[in-house]
C-alpha atoms as a PDB file:
ATOM      1  CA  MET A   1      -6.303   7.270 -37.803  1.00  0.00           C
ATOM      2  CA  SER A   2      -6.293   4.200 -35.490  1.00  0.00           C
ATOM      3  CA  TYR A   3      -4.393   3.368 -32.592  1.00  0.00           C
ATOM      4  CA  SER A   4      -2.950   0.065 -34.627  1.00  0.00           C
ATOM      5  CA  ALA A   5      -2.386   2.394 -37.671  1.00  0.00           C
ATOM      6  CA  THR A   6      -0.460   5.082 -36.255  1.00  0.00           C
ATOM      7  CA  ASP A   7       1.454   2.704 -34.345  1.00  0.00           C
ATOM      8  CA  THR A   8       2.937   1.102 -37.031  1.00  0.00           C
ATOM      9  CA  SER A   9       3.331   4.167 -39.186  1.00  0.00           C
ATOM     10  CA  VAL A  10       7.047   4.972 -40.321  1.00  0.00           C
ATOM     11  CA  GLN A  11       6.135   8.755 -40.191  1.00  0.00           C
ATOM     12  CA  ASP A  12       2.983   9.422 -38.133  1.00  0.00           C
ATOM     13  CA  GLY A  13       3.903   7.412 -34.826  1.00  0.00           C
ATOM     14  CA  LYS A  14       4.740  10.004 -31.833  1.00  0.00           C
ATOM     15  CA  PRO A  15       4.246   7.494 -28.715  1.00  0.00           C
ATOM     16  CA  LEU A  16       3.859   8.497 -25.186  1.00  0.00           C
ATOM     17  CA  TYR A  17       2.972   6.672 -21.729  1.00  0.00           C
ATOM     18  CA  LEU A  18      -0.055   7.633 -19.523  1.00  0.00           C
ATOM     19  CA  LEU A  19       0.116   6.313 -15.963  1.00  0.00           C
ATOM     20  CA  GLU A  20      -2.636   5.752 -13.468  1.00  0.00           C
ATOM     21  CA  PHE A  21      -2.055   5.082  -9.717  1.00  0.00           C
ATOM     22  CA  THR A  22      -5.011   3.772  -7.673  1.00  0.00           C
ATOM     23  CA  ARG A  23      -4.808   3.982  -4.026  1.00  0.00           C
ATOM     24  CA  GLY A  24      -8.288   3.360  -2.227  1.00  0.00           C
ATOM     25  CA  ALA A  25     -10.594   6.089  -3.497  1.00  0.00           C
ATOM     26  CA  SER A  26      -7.667   8.281  -4.906  1.00  0.00           C
ATOM     27  CA  VAL A  27      -6.682   8.237  -8.361  1.00  0.00           C
ATOM     28  CA  THR A  28      -3.184   9.823  -9.610  1.00  0.00           C
ATOM     29  CA  ARG A  29      -2.563  10.304 -13.219  1.00  0.00           C
ATOM     30  CA  PHE A  30       0.247  11.503 -15.283  1.00  0.00           C
ATOM     31  CA  ASN A  31       1.236  11.641 -18.803  1.00  0.00           C
ATOM     32  CA  SER A  32       5.132  11.612 -20.144  1.00  0.00           C
ATOM     33  CA  THR A  33       4.797  14.939 -22.153  1.00  0.00           C
ATOM     34  CA  ALA A  34       5.536  18.379 -21.358  1.00  0.00           C
ATOM     35  CA  VAL A  35       1.378  19.233 -21.282  1.00  0.00           C
ATOM     36  CA  ASP A  36      -1.761  18.016 -19.443  1.00  0.00           C
ATOM     37  CA  ILE A  37      -3.874  15.601 -21.375  1.00  0.00           C
ATOM     38  CA  ALA A  38      -7.738  16.097 -20.551  1.00  0.00           C
ATOM     39  CA  SER A  39      -9.662  12.755 -20.901  1.00  0.00           C
ATOM     40  CA  PRO A  40     -13.457  11.852 -19.855  1.00  0.00           C
ATOM     41  CA  VAL A  41     -11.921  10.199 -16.489  1.00  0.00           C
ATOM     42  CA  GLY A  42      -9.572  13.057 -15.279  1.00  0.00           C
ATOM     43  CA  THR A  43      -6.464  15.138 -16.498  1.00  0.00           C
ATOM     44  CA  TYR A  44      -3.162  13.033 -16.806  1.00  0.00           C
ATOM     45  CA  ARG A  45      -0.667  15.810 -15.362  1.00  0.00           C
ATOM     46  CA  ALA A  46       2.829  16.356 -17.348  1.00  0.00           C
ATOM     47  CA  SER A  47       5.701  14.545 -15.658  1.00  0.00           C
ATOM     48  CA  HIS A  48       9.350  13.432 -16.270  1.00  0.00           C
ATOM     49  CA  PHE A  49       8.928   9.598 -15.424  1.00  0.00           C
ATOM     50  CA  SER A  50      10.690   6.711 -17.201  1.00  0.00           C
ATOM     51  CA  VAL A  51       9.661   3.349 -17.348  1.00  0.00           C
ATOM     52  CA  THR A  52      11.766   0.380 -18.028  1.00  0.00           C
ATOM     53  CA  ALA A  53      11.531  -1.529 -21.465  1.00  0.00           C
ATOM     54  CA  ARG A  54       9.533  -4.550 -21.207  1.00  0.00           C
ATOM     55  CA  THR A  55      10.398  -8.291 -22.534  1.00  0.00           C
ATOM     56  CA  GLN A  56       7.656 -10.904 -23.289  1.00  0.00           C
ATOM     57  CA  GLY A  57       9.558 -13.932 -22.675  1.00  0.00           C
ATOM     58  CA  LYS A  58       8.780 -17.483 -20.869  1.00  0.00           C
ATOM     59  CA  ASP A  59       7.935 -16.313 -17.329  1.00  0.00           C
ATOM     60  CA  ILE A  60       4.971 -13.721 -17.567  1.00  0.00           C
ATOM     61  CA  PHE A  61       5.442 -13.519 -13.737  1.00  0.00           C
ATOM     62  CA  LYS A  62       9.126 -11.756 -14.066  1.00  0.00           C
ATOM     63  CA  ASP A  63       7.164  -9.104 -16.264  1.00  0.00           C
ATOM     64  CA  ASN A  64       7.735  -6.598 -13.578  1.00  0.00           C
ATOM     65  CA  LEU A  65       8.112  -2.835 -14.190  1.00  0.00           C
ATOM     66  CA  LYS A  66      10.307  -0.248 -12.754  1.00  0.00           C
ATOM     67  CA  ILE A  67       9.311   3.463 -12.915  1.00  0.00           C
ATOM     68  CA  THR A  68      11.652   6.419 -12.179  1.00  0.00           C
ATOM     69  CA  PHE A  69      10.408  10.025 -11.175  1.00  0.00           C
ATOM     70  CA  ALA A  70      12.821  12.889  -9.835  1.00  0.00           C
ATOM     71  CA  ARG A  71      13.363  12.813  -6.376  1.00  0.00           C
ATOM     72  CA  ALA A  72      11.437  15.934  -6.294  1.00  0.00           C
ATOM     73  CA  ASP A  73       8.227  14.604  -7.321  1.00  0.00           C
ATOM     74  CA  ASN A  74       5.709  14.814  -4.425  1.00  0.00           C
ATOM     75  CA  PHE A  75       4.139  11.863  -5.413  1.00  0.00           C
ATOM     76  CA  ALA A  76       6.920   9.685  -5.313  1.00  0.00           C
ATOM     77  CA  ARG A  77       8.025  10.725  -2.383  1.00  0.00           C
ATOM     78  CA  GLY A  78       5.262   9.640  -0.566  1.00  0.00           C
ATOM     79  CA  TYR A  79       6.762   6.124  -0.978  1.00  0.00           C
ATOM     80  CA  ILE A  80       9.893   6.302   0.187  1.00  0.00           C
ATOM     81  CA  LEU A  81       9.251   7.597   3.865  1.00  0.00           C
ATOM     82  CA  GLY A  82       8.193   4.195   5.324  1.00  0.00           C
ATOM     83  CA  ALA A  83       6.069   1.090   4.525  1.00  0.00           C
ATOM     84  CA  ILE A  84       3.487   1.064   1.889  1.00  0.00           C
ATOM     85  CA  ASP A  85       0.659   1.127   3.956  1.00  0.00           C
ATOM     86  CA  GLN A  86      -2.058   0.437   1.176  1.00  0.00           C
ATOM     87  CA  VAL A  87      -2.076  -1.102  -1.859  1.00  0.00           C
ATOM     88  CA  THR A  88      -1.586   1.262  -5.124  1.00  0.00           C
ATOM     89  CA  THR A  89      -2.415  -0.430  -8.100  1.00  0.00           C
ATOM     90  CA  VAL A  90      -0.628   0.660 -11.418  1.00  0.00           C
ATOM     91  CA  ALA A  91      -1.934   0.752 -15.008  1.00  0.00           C
ATOM     92  CA  LEU A  92       0.349   2.063 -17.473  1.00  0.00           C
ATOM     93  CA  LYS A  93      -1.276   2.978 -21.117  1.00  0.00           C
ATOM     94  CA  ARG A  94       0.620   3.587 -24.432  1.00  0.00           C
ATOM     95  CA  MET A  95      -0.905   6.309 -27.130  1.00  0.00           C
ATOM     96  CA  HIS A  96       0.216   8.819 -29.434  1.00  0.00           C
ATOM     97  CA  VAL A  97       0.459  12.381 -29.887  1.00  0.00           C
ATOM     98  CA  GLY A  98      -2.483  13.874 -31.046  1.00  0.00           C
ATOM     99  CA  MET A  99      -5.048  10.868 -30.261  1.00  0.00           C
ATOM    100  CA  PRO A 100      -7.955  10.864 -27.736  1.00  0.00           C
ATOM    101  CA  ALA A 101      -6.749   9.465 -24.266  1.00  0.00           C
ATOM    102  CA  GLY A 102      -9.607   7.608 -24.048  1.00  0.00           C
ATOM    103  CA  GLU A 103      -8.222   5.693 -26.986  1.00  0.00           C
ATOM    104  CA  ALA A 104      -5.149   4.651 -25.168  1.00  0.00           C
ATOM    105  CA  VAL A 105      -4.221   0.977 -24.675  1.00  0.00           C
ATOM    106  CA  ILE A 106      -3.556  -0.689 -21.553  1.00  0.00           C
ATOM    107  CA  GLU A 107       0.261  -2.106 -22.022  1.00  0.00           C
ATOM    108  CA  TRP A 108       0.648  -3.414 -18.397  1.00  0.00           C
ATOM    109  CA  LYS A 109      -1.051  -3.604 -14.924  1.00  0.00           C
ATOM    110  CA  GLY A 110       0.214  -4.249 -11.513  1.00  0.00           C
ATOM    111  CA  ARG A 111       0.899  -2.835  -8.000  1.00  0.00           C
ATOM    112  CA  ILE A 112       3.319  -0.519  -6.093  1.00  0.00           C
ATOM    113  CA  VAL A 113       5.657  -3.188  -3.701  1.00  0.00           C
ATOM    114  CA  THR A 114       8.845  -0.920  -2.897  1.00  0.00           C
ATOM    115  CA  ALA A 115      10.561   2.062  -3.342  1.00  0.00           C
ATOM    116  CA  GLU A 116      14.459   3.146  -3.307  1.00  0.00           C
ATOM    117  CA  VAL A 117      15.881   6.593  -3.976  1.00  0.00           C
ATOM    118  CA  LYS A 118      19.663   6.828  -5.513  1.00  0.00           C
ATOM    119  CA  ASP A 119      21.202  10.158  -6.727  1.00  0.00           C
ATOM    120  CA  GLU A 120      18.590  12.371  -7.936  1.00  0.00           C
ATOM    121  CA  LYS A 121      15.884   9.808  -8.355  1.00  0.00           C
ATOM    122  CA  ILE A 122      13.178   7.795  -6.918  1.00  0.00           C
ATOM    123  CA  THR A 123      12.488   4.568  -8.592  1.00  0.00           C
ATOM    124  CA  LEU A 124       8.938   2.679  -7.846  1.00  0.00           C
ATOM    125  CA  ASN A 125       9.500  -0.914  -8.259  1.00  0.00           C
ATOM    126  CA  CYS A 126       5.856  -2.919  -9.433  1.00  0.00           C
ATOM    127  CA  GLU A 127       4.796  -6.096  -9.809  1.00  0.00           C
ATOM    128  CA  SER A 128       2.830  -7.652 -12.350  1.00  0.00           C
ATOM    129  CA  VAL A 129      -0.955  -8.000 -11.878  1.00  0.00           C
ATOM    130  CA  TYR A 130      -0.022 -11.949 -12.690  1.00  0.00           C
ATOM    131  CA  THR A 131       2.226 -12.573  -9.464  1.00  0.00           C
ATOM    132  CA  SER A 132      -1.257 -13.268  -7.756  1.00  0.00           C
ATOM    133  CA  MET A 133      -1.626 -16.214  -9.678  1.00  0.00           C
ATOM    134  CA  ARG A 134       1.814 -17.530  -8.549  1.00  0.00           C
ATOM    135  CA  ARG A 135       0.730 -17.240  -4.955  1.00  0.00           C
ATOM    136  CA  LEU A 136       1.575 -20.518  -2.696  1.00  0.00           C
ATOM    137  CA  GLY A 137      -1.131 -22.376  -1.161  1.00  0.00           C
ATOM    138  CA  LEU A 138      -1.270 -23.681   2.244  1.00  0.00           C
ATOM    139  CA  SER A 139       1.353 -21.375   3.208  1.00  0.00           C
ATOM    140  CA  THR A 140       0.338 -20.470   6.926  1.00  0.00           C
ATOM    141  CA  GLN A 141       2.994 -22.299   9.428  1.00  0.00           C
ATOM    142  CA  PHE A 142       2.547 -22.892  13.061  1.00  0.00           C
ATOM    143  CA  GLU A 143       3.440 -20.303  15.373  1.00  0.00           C
ATOM    144  CA  LEU A 144       2.873 -18.937  18.631  1.00  0.00           C
ATOM    145  CA  THR A 145       1.098 -16.336  18.146  1.00  0.00           C
ATOM    146  CA  CYS A 146      -1.900 -15.681  15.741  1.00  0.00           C
ATOM    147  CA  VAL A 147      -0.807 -15.215  11.976  1.00  0.00           C
ATOM    148  CA  HIS A 148      -3.565 -13.158  11.110  1.00  0.00           C
ATOM    149  CA  ALA A 149      -3.606  -9.497  10.152  1.00  0.00           C
ATOM    150  CA  ILE A 150      -6.080  -7.436  11.969  1.00  0.00           C
ATOM    151  CA  TYR A 151      -9.048  -7.144  10.363  1.00  0.00           C
ATOM    152  CA  SER A 152      -8.468  -9.273   7.967  1.00  0.00           C
ATOM    153  CA  ALA A 153     -10.590 -11.982   6.349  1.00  0.00           C
ATOM    154  CA  GLY A 154      -9.031 -14.814   8.254  1.00  0.00           C
ATOM    155  CA  CYS A 155      -9.189 -12.357  11.742  1.00  0.00           C
ATOM    156  CA  ARG A 156     -12.798 -11.280  11.237  1.00  0.00           C
ATOM    157  CA  ALA A 157     -12.490  -8.820  14.087  1.00  0.00           C
ATOM    158  CA  ASN A 158     -15.093  -6.468  14.139  1.00  0.00           C
ATOM    159  CA  LYS A 159     -13.602  -3.251  12.362  1.00  0.00           C
ATOM    160  CA  PRO A 160     -16.402  -0.769  12.872  1.00  0.00           C
ATOM    161  CA  ALA A 161     -17.043  -1.821  16.413  1.00  0.00           C
ATOM    162  CA  MET A 162     -13.433  -0.787  17.315  1.00  0.00           C
ATOM    163  CA  ARG A 163     -13.561   2.634  15.434  1.00  0.00           C
ATOM    164  CA  VAL A 164     -12.344   5.579  17.490  1.00  0.00           C
ATOM    165  CA  GLU A 165     -13.005   8.961  16.324  1.00  0.00           C
ATOM    166  CA  ALA A 166     -10.592  11.373  17.156  1.00  0.00           C
ATOM    167  CA  GLN A 167      -9.185  14.926  16.067  1.00  0.00           C
ATOM    168  CA  VAL A 168      -5.532  15.755  14.914  1.00  0.00           C
ATOM    169  CA  ASN A 169      -4.485  18.671  17.713  1.00  0.00           C
ATOM    170  CA  VAL A 170      -0.531  19.135  17.302  1.00  0.00           C
ATOM    171  CA  ILE A 171       1.387  17.634  14.829  1.00  0.00           C
ATOM    172  CA  SER A 172       5.469  16.804  15.271  1.00  0.00           C
ATOM    173  CA  ASN A 173       6.942  14.983  12.029  1.00  0.00           C
ATOM    174  CA  VAL A 174       5.245  11.483  12.703  1.00  0.00           C
ATOM    175  CA  SER A 175       3.753  12.288  16.071  1.00  0.00           C
ATOM    176  CA  TYR A 176       0.405  13.286  16.078  1.00  0.00           C
ATOM    177  CA  THR A 177      -1.245  14.494  19.660  1.00  0.00           C
ATOM    178  CA  MET A 178      -4.886  13.607  19.495  1.00  0.00           C
ATOM    179  CA  LEU A 179      -8.168  14.875  21.194  1.00  0.00           C
ATOM    180  CA  GLY A 180     -10.589  12.116  21.989  1.00  0.00           C
ATOM    181  CA  ILE A 181      -8.306   9.264  22.849  1.00  0.00           C
ATOM    182  CA  SER A 182      -7.237  10.098  26.464  1.00  0.00           C
ATOM    183  CA  GLY A 183      -9.792   7.616  27.950  1.00  0.00           C
ATOM    184  CA  TYR A 184      -7.808   4.624  26.134  1.00  0.00           C
ATOM    185  CA  PRO A 185      -4.707   3.304  28.106  1.00  0.00           C
ATOM    186  CA  SER A 186      -1.012   3.954  26.691  1.00  0.00           C
ATOM    187  CA  GLY A 187      -0.645   0.762  24.066  1.00  0.00           C
ATOM    188  CA  TRP A 188      -4.106   0.790  22.873  1.00  0.00           C
ATOM    189  CA  PHE A 189      -3.665   1.543  19.651  1.00  0.00           C
ATOM    190  CA  ASN A 190       0.015  -0.046  19.209  1.00  0.00           C
ATOM    191  CA  SER A 191       0.055  -1.630  15.649  1.00  0.00           C
ATOM    192  CA  GLY A 192      -3.131  -0.151  14.793  1.00  0.00           C
ATOM    193  CA  MET A 193      -4.211   2.512  12.040  1.00  0.00           C
ATOM    194  CA  MET A 194      -5.085   5.802  11.486  1.00  0.00           C
ATOM    195  CA  GLU A 195      -7.164   6.229   8.796  1.00  0.00           C
ATOM    196  CA  THR A 196      -8.615   9.223   6.760  1.00  0.00           C
ATOM    197  CA  GLU A 197     -11.533   9.305   3.779  1.00  0.00           C
ATOM    198  CA  THR A 198      -8.830   8.779   1.417  1.00  0.00           C
ATOM    199  CA  ASP A 199      -5.332   7.270   3.168  1.00  0.00           C
ATOM    200  CA  ARG A 200      -4.095   5.011   5.967  1.00  0.00           C
ATOM    201  CA  ARG A 201      -0.820   4.857   8.243  1.00  0.00           C
ATOM    202  CA  PHE A 202       0.637   1.964  10.460  1.00  0.00           C
ATOM    203  CA  ILE A 203       0.393   3.332  13.822  1.00  0.00           C
ATOM    204  CA  VAL A 204       3.628   2.561  15.422  1.00  0.00           C
ATOM    205  CA  SER A 205       3.441   3.243  19.404  1.00  0.00           C
ATOM    206  CA  HIS A 206       0.837   4.748  21.461  1.00  0.00           C
ATOM    207  CA  VAL A 207       1.476   7.010  24.359  1.00  0.00           C
ATOM    208  CA  GLY A 208      -1.131   8.830  26.047  1.00  0.00           C
ATOM    209  CA  ASP A 209      -2.745  11.323  23.802  1.00  0.00           C
ATOM    210  CA  VAL A 210       0.045  10.875  21.115  1.00  0.00           C
ATOM    211  CA  VAL A 211       0.313   8.287  18.334  1.00  0.00           C
ATOM    212  CA  THR A 212       3.434   7.731  16.422  1.00  0.00           C
ATOM    213  CA  LEU A 213       2.870   7.155  12.778  1.00  0.00           C
ATOM    214  CA  SER A 214       5.075   4.965  10.240  1.00  0.00           C
ATOM    215  CA  LYS A 215       5.273   8.075   8.007  1.00  0.00           C
ATOM    216  CA  PRO A 216       3.774  11.481   7.442  1.00  0.00           C
ATOM    217  CA  LEU A 217      -0.062  11.611   7.198  1.00  0.00           C
ATOM    218  CA  ASN A 218      -1.192  14.312   5.165  1.00  0.00           C
ATOM    219  CA  VAL A 219      -4.008  16.046   7.379  1.00  0.00           C
ATOM    220  CA  ALA A 220      -4.208  19.710   9.047  1.00  0.00           C
ATOM    221  CA  GLN A 221      -4.795  20.264  12.805  1.00  0.00           C
ATOM    222  CA  GLY A 222      -8.002  19.816  13.410  1.00  0.00           C
ATOM    223  CA  THR A 223      -9.087  17.068  11.208  1.00  0.00           C
ATOM    224  CA  SER A 224     -11.045  14.414  12.261  1.00  0.00           C
ATOM    225  CA  VAL A 225      -9.493  10.744  11.689  1.00  0.00           C
ATOM    226  CA  ALA A 226     -10.802   7.406  12.708  1.00  0.00           C
ATOM    227  CA  LEU A 227      -8.134   5.111  14.881  1.00  0.00           C
ATOM    228  CA  TYR A 228      -8.272   1.619  15.223  1.00  0.00           C
ATOM    229  CA  PRO A 229      -6.641  -0.492  17.593  1.00  0.00           C
ATOM    230  CA  GLY A 230      -3.932  -3.000  17.221  1.00  0.00           C
ATOM    231  CA  CYS A 231      -3.230  -6.678  18.097  1.00  0.00           C
ATOM    232  CA  ASN A 232      -0.277  -8.234  19.800  1.00  0.00           C
ATOM    233  CA  LYS A 233      -1.597 -11.689  18.768  1.00  0.00           C
ATOM    234  CA  THR A 234      -1.570 -13.097  21.955  1.00  0.00           C
ATOM    235  CA  THR A 235      -4.994 -15.446  23.114  1.00  0.00           C
ATOM    236  CA  ALA A 236      -5.209 -12.700  25.975  1.00  0.00           C
ATOM    237  CA  ASN A 237      -5.626  -9.621  23.700  1.00  0.00           C
ATOM    238  CA  CYS A 238      -7.700 -11.556  20.911  1.00  0.00           C
ATOM    239  CA  ILE A 239     -10.473 -12.374  24.058  1.00  0.00           C
ATOM    240  CA  ASP A 240     -10.200  -9.114  26.155  1.00  0.00           C
ATOM    241  CA  LYS A 241      -9.747  -6.363  23.394  1.00  0.00           C
ATOM    242  CA  PHE A 242     -11.630  -8.208  20.401  1.00  0.00           C
ATOM    243  CA  ASP A 243     -13.480 -10.843  21.594  1.00  0.00           C
ATOM    244  CA  ASN A 244     -12.741 -12.756  18.596  1.00  0.00           C
ATOM    245  CA  ILE A 245     -10.843 -16.220  20.198  1.00  0.00           C
ATOM    246  CA  ASP A 246     -12.913 -17.891  17.604  1.00  0.00           C
ATOM    247  CA  ASN A 247     -11.038 -16.813  15.201  1.00  0.00           C
ATOM    248  CA  TYR A 248      -7.560 -17.162  16.777  1.00  0.00           C
ATOM    249  CA  LEU A 249      -4.751 -18.881  14.598  1.00  0.00           C
ATOM    250  CA  GLY A 250      -1.591 -19.075  17.281  1.00  0.00           C
ATOM    251  CA  PHE A 251      -0.301 -22.338  18.727  1.00  0.00           C
ATOM    252  CA  PRO A 252       0.723 -20.997  22.140  1.00  0.00           C
ATOM    253  CA  TRP A 253       0.614 -24.213  23.900  1.00  0.00           C
ATOM    254  CA  MET A 254       3.469 -26.001  21.326  1.00  0.00           C
ATOM    255  CA  PRO A 255       5.897 -27.802  23.172  1.00  0.00           C
ATOM    256  CA  ASP A 256       9.471 -26.692  23.671  1.00  0.00           C
ATOM    257  CA  GLN A 257      10.888 -30.109  22.594  1.00  0.00           C
ATOM    258  CA  ASP A 258      10.401 -32.601  19.828  1.00  0.00           C
ATOM    259  CA  PRO A 259       8.665 -35.680  21.906  1.00  0.00           C
ATOM    260  CA  PHE A 260      10.420 -37.824  19.312  1.00  0.00           C
ATOM    261  CA  GLY A 261      13.719 -37.028  19.329  1.00  0.00           C
ATOM    262  CA  GLY A 262      14.012 -34.443  22.092  1.00  0.00           C
ATOM    263  CA  MET A 263      15.355 -31.734  20.088  1.00  0.00           C
ATOM    264  CA  PRO A 264      14.326 -28.033  20.576  1.00  0.00           C
ATOM    265  CA  ILE A 265      11.655 -27.023  18.439  1.00  0.00           C
ATOM    266  CA  ALA A 266      12.288 -24.311  16.299  1.00  0.00           C
ATOM    267  CA  ARG A 267       9.882 -21.201  16.986  1.00  0.00           C
ATOM    268  CA  LEU A 268       8.796 -19.123  13.879  1.00  0.00           C
END
C-alpha cells in the first residue's frame, strides 16, 4: 500500500517519525519506535523522543520545531554543555510501521539553534530552513573592530596556511594539554578552533601548551587534531598574524564625537 493510502486509512495507519541529524560529515539517525529500523542510507536507532505539533499558518517562518529527548540521551547532552560550534541540520520524516524507510516522507527541515534542560528532559529548539529567506540585507554596522568571523567568506584569511598539527596529551574536563604547540606564544589560539575529522570546538583560551575549549571534545589521549589560531579583530592582529588587512572590516579611526552636534558617538 502506498504512503498516501496508508496515511489516510482508518485502520491501517500506524505512523512513526524518523529523525536525521547532519553535522559536518557525521549523520545520526533515530526513529520513534522501540526497535531499530534499517534503511539503504543507514540504521535509524530506536529512541524515546517527541516533537511539537506543527501547524501551517500564515507565516511559514514561525514553523519551528522542538525535539525533546530524555536527559540521559548522549546525543542530546552534547548540545547543552556550551555554544553550538557547528551547524546541525535536521530532517524530520514520517512513515508508517511496515513501510520501507526509503519511502518515508520529509515533513520538516531546519537546523538546531539552542538547547535547554528542564526536569529530566532536554529540548532541542530548531528553526525552519525557510528562515534563511528572511535574513536582513545590508545589516553590517560600523564598529571599531572587524565584523568578520575568522576564516569566513568575508574574512578570507588563509585557513589551511594557519593550520597547526597537534596531539592531545592530557585531558582535564575542557582543558587539553597538547604536544606540538610549545613554540607558539600564549594567547595565539585564543578564539580559534580545535578540529577533528568530524567535529570542532571553540578555543576559549590558550596558555603555554594548554588550550581550554567551550565544551568537551570527544577525543582520546594521543589523538591528532588540527588547531587554528583566533583573531582579536584589531588591525595589528590582522596585519601581523594573518597578513590580511585588505579584507579588514573595522573602523578604528571613528571619531569619538559627532562632528555636527558634539554628542558622543555610540560604540557598538
